[in-house]
PDB file of N, CA and C in Angstrom:
ATOM      1  N   MET A   1       0.818  -1.181   0.000  1.00  0.00           N
ATOM      2  CA  MET A   1       0.000   0.000   0.000  1.00  0.00           C
ATOM      3  C   MET A   1       0.874   1.261   0.000  1.00  0.00           C
ATOM      4  N   ASN A   2       1.921   1.204   0.760  1.00  0.00           N
ATOM      5  CA  ASN A   2       2.819   2.354   0.806  1.00  0.00           C
ATOM      6  C   ASN A   2       3.465   2.601  -0.557  1.00  0.00           C
ATOM      7  N   HIS A   3       3.768   1.491  -1.265  1.00  0.00           N
ATOM      8  CA  HIS A   3       4.354   1.624  -2.593  1.00  0.00           C
ATOM      9  C   HIS A   3       3.400   2.382  -3.527  1.00  0.00           C
ATOM     10  N   GLU A   4       2.132   2.028  -3.516  1.00  0.00           N
ATOM     11  CA  GLU A   4       1.128   2.700  -4.337  1.00  0.00           C
ATOM     12  C   GLU A   4       0.960   4.161  -3.919  1.00  0.00           C
ATOM     13  N   LYS A   5       0.998   4.402  -2.618  1.00  0.00           N
ATOM     14  CA  LYS A   5       0.860   5.771  -2.113  1.00  0.00           C
ATOM     15  C   LYS A   5       2.028   6.629  -2.600  1.00  0.00           C
ATOM     16  N   GLU A   6       3.209   6.070  -2.583  1.00  0.00           N
ATOM     17  CA  GLU A   6       4.371   6.803  -3.066  1.00  0.00           C
ATOM     18  C   GLU A   6       4.287   7.019  -4.578  1.00  0.00           C
ATOM     19  N   LYS A   7       3.762   6.024  -5.282  1.00  0.00           N
ATOM     20  CA  LYS A   7       3.681   6.084  -6.732  1.00  0.00           C
ATOM     21  C   LYS A   7       2.658   7.134  -7.196  1.00  0.00           C
ATOM     22  N   HIS A   8       1.490   7.175  -6.564  1.00  0.00           N
ATOM     23  CA  HIS A   8       0.391   8.051  -6.996  1.00  0.00           C
ATOM     24  C   HIS A   8       0.167   9.249  -6.086  1.00  0.00           C
ATOM     25  N   GLY A   9       0.882   9.379  -5.025  1.00  0.00           N
ATOM     26  CA  GLY A   9       0.663  10.471  -4.081  1.00  0.00           C
ATOM     27  C   GLY A   9      -0.442  10.076  -3.110  1.00  0.00           C
ATOM     28  N   ASN A  10      -1.015  11.051  -2.462  1.00  0.00           N
ATOM     29  CA  ASN A  10      -2.084  10.762  -1.511  1.00  0.00           C
ATOM     30  C   ASN A  10      -3.329  10.273  -2.239  1.00  0.00           C
ATOM     31  N   LEU A  11      -3.844   9.152  -1.792  1.00  0.00           N
ATOM     32  CA  LEU A  11      -5.055   8.600  -2.381  1.00  0.00           C
ATOM     33  C   LEU A  11      -6.270   9.289  -1.776  1.00  0.00           C
ATOM     34  N   PRO A  12      -7.341   9.488  -2.567  1.00  0.00           N
ATOM     35  CA  PRO A  12      -8.529  10.147  -2.029  1.00  0.00           C
ATOM     36  C   PRO A  12      -9.205   9.277  -0.976  1.00  0.00           C
ATOM     37  N   THR A  13      -9.802   9.944  -0.011  1.00  0.00           N
ATOM     38  CA  THR A  13     -10.504   9.210   1.037  1.00  0.00           C
ATOM     39  C   THR A  13     -11.876   8.802   0.536  1.00  0.00           C
ATOM     40  N   THR A  14     -12.517   7.951   1.305  1.00  0.00           N
ATOM     41  CA  THR A  14     -13.858   7.499   0.969  1.00  0.00           C
ATOM     42  C   THR A  14     -14.838   8.665   0.940  1.00  0.00           C
ATOM     43  N   LYS A  15     -14.679   9.589   1.881  1.00  0.00           N
ATOM     44  CA  LYS A  15     -15.565  10.754   1.916  1.00  0.00           C
ATOM     45  C   LYS A  15     -15.421  11.585   0.647  1.00  0.00           C
ATOM     46  N   GLU A  16     -14.185  11.775   0.192  1.00  0.00           N
ATOM     47  CA  GLU A  16     -13.955  12.544  -1.033  1.00  0.00           C
ATOM     48  C   GLU A  16     -14.580  11.849  -2.242  1.00  0.00           C
ATOM     49  N   ARG A  17     -14.419  10.520  -2.302  1.00  0.00           N
ATOM     50  CA  ARG A  17     -15.011   9.736  -3.394  1.00  0.00           C
ATOM     51  C   ARG A  17     -16.533   9.832  -3.359  1.00  0.00           C
ATOM     52  N   ASN A  18     -17.109   9.739  -2.167  1.00  0.00           N
ATOM     53  CA  ASN A  18     -18.561   9.829  -2.042  1.00  0.00           C
ATOM     54  C   ASN A  18     -19.067  11.207  -2.482  1.00  0.00           C
ATOM     55  N   ARG A  19     -18.336  12.272  -2.149  1.00  0.00           N
ATOM     56  CA  ARG A  19     -18.711  13.613  -2.586  1.00  0.00           C
ATOM     57  C   ARG A  19     -18.664  13.713  -4.107  1.00  0.00           C
ATOM     58  N   GLU A  20     -17.633  13.142  -4.704  1.00  0.00           N
ATOM     59  CA  GLU A  20     -17.528  13.144  -6.160  1.00  0.00           C
ATOM     60  C   GLU A  20     -18.686  12.371  -6.797  1.00  0.00           C
ATOM     61  N   ILE A  21     -19.025  11.239  -6.201  1.00  0.00           N
ATOM     62  CA  ILE A  21     -20.138  10.428  -6.718  1.00  0.00           C
ATOM     63  C   ILE A  21     -21.449  11.209  -6.634  1.00  0.00           C
ATOM     64  N   GLU A  22     -21.703  11.866  -5.517  1.00  0.00           N
ATOM     65  CA  GLU A  22     -22.926  12.658  -5.354  1.00  0.00           C
ATOM     66  C   GLU A  22     -22.967  13.807  -6.347  1.00  0.00           C
ATOM     67  N   LYS A  23     -21.826  14.460  -6.533  1.00  0.00           N
ATOM     68  CA  LYS A  23     -21.754  15.557  -7.487  1.00  0.00           C
ATOM     69  C   LYS A  23     -22.060  15.055  -8.898  1.00  0.00           C
ATOM     70  N   THR A  24     -21.512  13.916  -9.246  1.00  0.00           N
ATOM     71  CA  THR A  24     -21.747  13.323 -10.558  1.00  0.00           C
ATOM     72  C   THR A  24     -23.217  12.937 -10.720  1.00  0.00           C
ATOM     73  N   LYS A  25     -23.830  12.377  -9.668  1.00  0.00           N
ATOM     74  CA  LYS A  25     -25.249  12.021  -9.727  1.00  0.00           C
ATOM     75  C   LYS A  25     -26.116  13.263  -9.934  1.00  0.00           C
ATOM     76  N   GLN A  26     -25.749  14.367  -9.290  1.00  0.00           N
ATOM     77  CA  GLN A  26     -26.501  15.611  -9.463  1.00  0.00           C
ATOM     78  C   GLN A  26     -26.380  16.126 -10.899  1.00  0.00           C
ATOM     79  N   GLN A  27     -25.182  16.028 -11.449  1.00  0.00           N
ATOM     80  CA  GLN A  27     -24.986  16.454 -12.831  1.00  0.00           C
ATOM     81  C   GLN A  27     -25.803  15.575 -13.780  1.00  0.00           C
ATOM     82  N   ILE A  28     -25.815  14.283 -13.539  1.00  0.00           N
ATOM     83  CA  ILE A  28     -26.588  13.365 -14.373  1.00  0.00           C
ATOM     84  C   ILE A  28     -28.070  13.723 -14.300  1.00  0.00           C
ATOM     85  N   SER A  29     -28.553  13.976 -13.099  1.00  0.00           N
ATOM     86  CA  SER A  29     -29.950  14.357 -12.917  1.00  0.00           C
ATOM     87  C   SER A  29     -30.260  15.656 -13.669  1.00  0.00           C
ATOM     88  N   LYS A  30     -29.369  16.611 -13.583  1.00  0.00           N
ATOM     89  CA  LYS A  30     -29.537  17.894 -14.268  1.00  0.00           C
ATOM     90  C   LYS A  30     -29.593  17.685 -15.775  1.00  0.00           C
ATOM     91  N   TYR A  31     -28.683  16.864 -16.312  1.00  0.00           N
ATOM     92  CA  TYR A  31     -28.654  16.623 -17.752  1.00  0.00           C
ATOM     93  C   TYR A  31     -29.866  15.831 -18.218  1.00  0.00           C
ATOM     94  N   LYS A  32     -30.359  14.917 -17.396  1.00  0.00           N
ATOM     95  CA  LYS A  32     -31.573  14.187 -17.752  1.00  0.00           C
ATOM     96  C   LYS A  32     -32.766  15.136 -17.853  1.00  0.00           C
ATOM     97  N   GLU A  33     -32.855  16.081 -16.941  1.00  0.00           N
ATOM     98  CA  GLU A  33     -33.938  17.071 -16.978  1.00  0.00           C
ATOM     99  C   GLU A  33     -33.816  17.948 -18.223  1.00  0.00           C
ATOM    100  N   MET A  34     -32.596  18.355 -18.549  1.00  0.00           N
ATOM    101  CA  MET A  34     -32.383  19.151 -19.756  1.00  0.00           C
ATOM    102  C   MET A  34     -32.779  18.366 -21.003  1.00  0.00           C
ATOM    103  N   LEU A  35     -32.454  17.076 -21.034  1.00  0.00           N
ATOM    104  CA  LEU A  35     -32.808  16.226 -22.158  1.00  0.00           C
ATOM    105  C   LEU A  35     -34.327  16.114 -22.286  1.00  0.00           C
ATOM    106  N   LYS A  36     -35.003  15.949 -21.171  1.00  0.00           N
ATOM    107  CA  LYS A  36     -36.463  15.850 -21.175  1.00  0.00           C
ATOM    108  C   LYS A  36     -37.081  17.134 -21.725  1.00  0.00           C
ATOM    109  N   GLU A  37     -36.595  18.283 -21.286  1.00  0.00           N
ATOM    110  CA  GLU A  37     -37.094  19.569 -21.770  1.00  0.00           C
ATOM    111  C   GLU A  37     -36.814  19.740 -23.260  1.00  0.00           C
ATOM    112  N   THR A  38     -35.644  19.333 -23.693  1.00  0.00           N
ATOM    113  CA  THR A  38     -35.267  19.457 -25.101  1.00  0.00           C
ATOM    114  C   THR A  38     -36.152  18.577 -25.966  1.00  0.00           C
ATOM    115  N   ARG A  39     -36.421  17.355 -25.516  1.00  0.00           N
ATOM    116  CA  ARG A  39     -37.311  16.468 -26.272  1.00  0.00           C
ATOM    117  C   ARG A  39     -38.714  17.049 -26.367  1.00  0.00           C
ATOM    118  N   SER A  40     -39.191  17.636 -25.277  1.00  0.00           N
ATOM    119  CA  SER A  40     -40.511  18.261 -25.286  1.00  0.00           C
ATOM    120  C   SER A  40     -40.544  19.423 -26.277  1.00  0.00           C
ATOM    121  N   GLU A  41     -39.512  20.229 -26.258  1.00  0.00           N
ATOM    122  CA  GLU A  41     -39.434  21.358 -27.182  1.00  0.00           C
ATOM    123  C   GLU A  41     -39.353  20.872 -28.627  1.00  0.00           C
ATOM    124  N   LEU A  42     -38.593  19.819 -28.865  1.00  0.00           N
ATOM    125  CA  LEU A  42     -38.476  19.256 -30.202  1.00  0.00           C
ATOM    126  C   LEU A  42     -39.831  18.756 -30.689  1.00  0.00           C
ATOM    127  N   SER A  43     -40.565  18.105 -29.819  1.00  0.00           N
ATOM    128  CA  SER A  43     -41.895  17.619 -30.178  1.00  0.00           C
ATOM    129  C   SER A  43     -42.804  18.772 -30.577  1.00  0.00           C
ATOM    130  N   GLN A  44     -42.770  19.850 -29.815  1.00  0.00           N
ATOM    131  CA  GLN A  44     -43.586  21.022 -30.132  1.00  0.00           C
ATOM    132  C   GLN A  44     -43.158  21.650 -31.464  1.00  0.00           C
ATOM    133  N   LEU A  45     -41.861  21.687 -31.718  1.00  0.00           N
ATOM    134  CA  LEU A  45     -41.370  22.246 -32.977  1.00  0.00           C
ATOM    135  C   LEU A  45     -41.771  21.384 -34.166  1.00  0.00           C
ATOM    136  N   GLU A  46     -41.775  20.064 -33.985  1.00  0.00           N
ATOM    137  CA  GLU A  46     -42.204  19.170 -35.062  1.00  0.00           C
ATOM    138  C   GLU A  46     -43.678  19.397 -35.395  1.00  0.00           C
ATOM    139  N   ILE A  47     -44.500  19.578 -34.372  1.00  0.00           N
ATOM    140  CA  ILE A  47     -45.921  19.854 -34.591  1.00  0.00           C
ATOM    141  C   ILE A  47     -46.085  21.179 -35.318  1.00  0.00           C
ATOM    142  N   LEU A  48     -45.344  22.183 -34.892  1.00  0.00           N
ATOM    143  CA  LEU A  48     -45.391  23.490 -35.539  1.00  0.00           C
ATOM    144  C   LEU A  48     -44.977  23.384 -37.001  1.00  0.00           C
ATOM    145  N   TYR A  49     -43.909  22.641 -37.265  1.00  0.00           N
ATOM    146  CA  TYR A  49     -43.439  22.449 -38.634  1.00  0.00           C
ATOM    147  C   TYR A  49     -44.521  21.800 -39.485  1.00  0.00           C
ATOM    148  N   GLU A  50     -45.138  20.731 -38.972  1.00  0.00           N
ATOM    149  CA  GLU A  50     -46.180  20.042 -39.728  1.00  0.00           C
ATOM    150  C   GLU A  50     -47.358  20.971 -40.014  1.00  0.00           C
ATOM    151  N   ASN A  51     -47.748  21.780 -39.040  1.00  0.00           N
ATOM    152  CA  ASN A  51     -48.849  22.717 -39.244  1.00  0.00           C
ATOM    153  C   ASN A  51     -48.497  23.767 -40.300  1.00  0.00           C
ATOM    154  N   LEU A  52     -47.285  24.299 -40.215  1.00  0.00           N
ATOM    155  CA  LEU A  52     -46.862  25.287 -41.204  1.00  0.00           C
ATOM    156  C   LEU A  52     -46.760  24.675 -42.596  1.00  0.00           C
ATOM    157  N   TYR A  53     -46.283  23.445 -42.666  1.00  0.00           N
ATOM    158  CA  TYR A  53     -46.183  22.764 -43.957  1.00  0.00           C
ATOM    159  C   TYR A  53     -47.576  22.565 -44.544  1.00  0.00           C
ATOM    160  N   ASP A  54     -48.520  22.135 -43.708  1.00  0.00           N
ATOM    161  CA  ASP A  54     -49.888  21.932 -44.179  1.00  0.00           C
ATOM    162  C   ASP A  54     -50.508  23.241 -44.661  1.00  0.00           C
ATOM    163  N   MET A  55     -50.189  24.335 -43.984  1.00  0.00           N
ATOM    164  CA  MET A  55     -50.721  25.634 -44.405  1.00  0.00           C
ATOM    165  C   MET A  55     -50.110  26.070 -45.741  1.00  0.00           C
ATOM    166  N   ALA A  56     -48.850  25.767 -45.939  1.00  0.00           N
ATOM    167  CA  ALA A  56     -48.171  26.172 -47.165  1.00  0.00           C
ATOM    168  C   ALA A  56     -48.536  25.281 -48.349  1.00  0.00           C
ATOM    169  N   HIS A  57     -48.933  24.043 -48.071  1.00  0.00           N
ATOM    170  CA  HIS A  57     -49.279  23.080 -49.118  1.00  0.00           C
ATOM    171  C   HIS A  57     -50.676  22.514 -48.850  1.00  0.00           C
ATOM    172  N   PRO A  58     -51.709  23.302 -49.078  1.00  0.00           N
ATOM    173  CA  PRO A  58     -53.059  22.814 -48.778  1.00  0.00           C
ATOM    174  C   PRO A  58     -53.459  21.684 -49.718  1.00  0.00           C
ATOM    175  N   ILE A  59     -54.245  20.784 -49.196  1.00  0.00           N
ATOM    176  CA  ILE A  59     -54.746  19.654 -49.973  1.00  0.00           C
ATOM    177  C   ILE A  59     -56.117  20.048 -50.500  1.00  0.00           C
ATOM    178  N   GLU A  60     -56.314  19.831 -51.784  1.00  0.00           N
ATOM    179  CA  GLU A  60     -57.615  20.122 -52.358  1.00  0.00           C
ATOM    180  C   GLU A  60     -58.488  18.883 -52.221  1.00  0.00           C
ATOM    181  N   TYR A  61     -59.570  19.046 -51.512  1.00  0.00           N
ATOM    182  CA  TYR A  61     -60.486  17.932 -51.314  1.00  0.00           C
ATOM    183  C   TYR A  61     -61.515  17.907 -52.430  1.00  0.00           C
ATOM    184  N   VAL A  62     -61.798  16.711 -52.926  1.00  0.00           N
ATOM    185  CA  VAL A  62     -62.778  16.536 -53.988  1.00  0.00           C
ATOM    186  C   VAL A  62     -63.986  15.847 -53.381  1.00  0.00           C
ATOM    187  N   ALA A  63     -65.150  16.338 -53.713  1.00  0.00           N
ATOM    188  CA  ALA A  63     -66.364  15.731 -53.184  1.00  0.00           C
ATOM    189  C   ALA A  63     -66.466  14.291 -53.650  1.00  0.00           C
ATOM    190  N   GLU A  64     -67.081  13.436 -52.830  1.00  0.00           N
ATOM    191  CA  GLU A  64     -67.177  12.011 -53.151  1.00  0.00           C
ATOM    192  C   GLU A  64     -67.930  11.791 -54.452  1.00  0.00           C
ATOM    193  N   GLU A  65     -68.913  12.619 -54.729  1.00  0.00           N
ATOM    194  CA  GLU A  65     -69.694  12.448 -55.952  1.00  0.00           C
ATOM    195  C   GLU A  65     -68.812  12.594 -57.177  1.00  0.00           C
ATOM    196  N   GLU A  66     -67.834  13.475 -57.104  1.00  0.00           N
ATOM    197  CA  GLU A  66     -66.943  13.686 -58.234  1.00  0.00           C
ATOM    198  C   GLU A  66     -65.951  12.544 -58.387  1.00  0.00           C
ATOM    199  N   VAL A  67     -65.604  11.885 -57.299  1.00  0.00           N
ATOM    200  CA  VAL A  67     -64.611  10.817 -57.344  1.00  0.00           C
ATOM    201  C   VAL A  67     -65.189   9.576 -57.995  1.00  0.00           C
ATOM    202  N   GLU A  68     -66.432   9.278 -57.706  1.00  0.00           N
ATOM    203  CA  GLU A  68     -67.064   8.084 -58.266  1.00  0.00           C
ATOM    204  C   GLU A  68     -67.385   8.328 -59.730  1.00  0.00           C
ATOM    205  N   GLU A  69     -66.719   7.600 -60.586  1.00  0.00           N
ATOM    206  CA  GLU A  69     -66.942   7.724 -62.018  1.00  0.00           C
ATOM    207  C   GLU A  69     -67.422   6.383 -62.551  1.00  0.00           C
ATOM    208  N   GLU A  70     -68.257   6.444 -63.535  1.00  0.00           N
ATOM    209  CA  GLU A  70     -68.722   5.219 -64.175  1.00  0.00           C
ATOM    210  C   GLU A  70     -67.966   5.044 -65.479  1.00  0.00           C
ATOM    211  N   TYR A  71     -67.543   3.814 -65.722  1.00  0.00           N
ATOM    212  CA  TYR A  71     -66.799   3.520 -66.928  1.00  0.00           C
ATOM    213  C   TYR A  71     -67.715   2.800 -67.912  1.00  0.00           C
ATOM    214  N   ASP A  72     -67.746   3.282 -69.132  1.00  0.00           N
ATOM    215  CA  ASP A  72     -68.534   2.636 -70.175  1.00  0.00           C
ATOM    216  C   ASP A  72     -67.679   1.700 -71.007  1.00  0.00           C
ATOM    217  N   GLU A  73     -66.417   1.608 -70.655  1.00  0.00           N
ATOM    218  CA  GLU A  73     -65.521   0.746 -71.421  1.00  0.00           C
ATOM    219  C   GLU A  73     -65.716  -0.705 -70.985  1.00  0.00           C
ATOM    220  N   PRO A  74     -65.482  -1.656 -71.883  1.00  0.00           N
ATOM    221  CA  PRO A  74     -65.613  -3.065 -71.506  1.00  0.00           C
ATOM    222  C   PRO A  74     -64.559  -3.456 -70.467  1.00  0.00           C
ATOM    223  N   VAL A  75     -64.902  -4.408 -69.628  1.00  0.00           N
ATOM    224  CA  VAL A  75     -64.006  -4.882 -68.583  1.00  0.00           C
ATOM    225  C   VAL A  75     -63.639  -6.317 -68.885  1.00  0.00           C
ATOM    226  N   ARG A  76     -62.387  -6.648 -68.789  1.00  0.00           N
ATOM    227  CA  ARG A  76     -61.913  -7.996 -69.076  1.00  0.00           C
ATOM    228  C   ARG A  76     -62.001  -8.831 -67.810  1.00  0.00           C
ATOM    229  N   THR A  77     -62.551 -10.038 -67.900  1.00  0.00           N
ATOM    230  CA  THR A  77     -62.683 -10.915 -66.745  1.00  0.00           C
ATOM    231  C   THR A  77     -61.621 -11.999 -66.796  1.00  0.00           C
ATOM    232  N   ARG A  78     -61.661 -12.892 -65.808  1.00  0.00           N
ATOM    233  CA  ARG A  78     -60.630 -13.942 -65.731  1.00  0.00           C
ATOM    234  C   ARG A  78     -60.655 -14.888 -66.918  1.00  0.00           C
ATOM    235  N   ASN A  79     -61.823 -15.196 -67.415  1.00  0.00           N
ATOM    236  CA  ASN A  79     -61.876 -16.131 -68.544  1.00  0.00           C
ATOM    237  C   ASN A  79     -61.611 -15.410 -69.865  1.00  0.00           C
ATOM    238  N   ARG A  80     -61.141 -14.197 -69.763  1.00  0.00           N
ATOM    239  CA  ARG A  80     -60.689 -13.384 -70.890  1.00  0.00           C
ATOM    240  C   ARG A  80     -61.792 -13.060 -71.897  1.00  0.00           C
ATOM    241  N   GLU A  81     -63.034 -13.073 -71.452  1.00  0.00           N
ATOM    242  CA  GLU A  81     -64.121 -12.636 -72.294  1.00  0.00           C
ATOM    243  C   GLU A  81     -64.496 -11.217 -71.924  1.00  0.00           C
ATOM    244  N   TRP A  82     -65.036 -10.526 -72.839  1.00  0.00           N
ATOM    245  CA  TRP A  82     -65.418  -9.139 -72.609  1.00  0.00           C
ATOM    246  C   TRP A  82     -66.832  -9.081 -72.059  1.00  0.00           C
ATOM    247  N   GLU A  83     -67.027  -8.254 -71.039  1.00  0.00           N
ATOM    248  CA  GLU A  83     -68.346  -8.030 -70.458  1.00  0.00           C
ATOM    249  C   GLU A  83     -68.592  -6.554 -70.354  1.00  0.00           C
ATOM    250  N   ARG A  84     -69.830  -6.192 -70.291  1.00  0.00           N
ATOM    251  CA  ARG A  84     -70.177  -4.781 -70.081  1.00  0.00           C
ATOM    252  C   ARG A  84     -70.802  -4.621 -68.743  1.00  0.00           C
TER     253      ARG A  84
END
């Protein structure tokens, strides 16, 4: 033990290590909170982007009556005969 102490100088005490661990845990907690806030802000920005995109590129809706078209052309069936 003395050899290691001479090699590395004074080794930190348990109390010093525990203080460092607590400080690190506090920093981790702080960064986790910042990450949570950033994700929330990102989510809000994505919603804003989608809304702005929709406003800039409106979709033209067609009434259902206009979509339904009747075809007068013959339709080919599986047995390859023409039917109307």
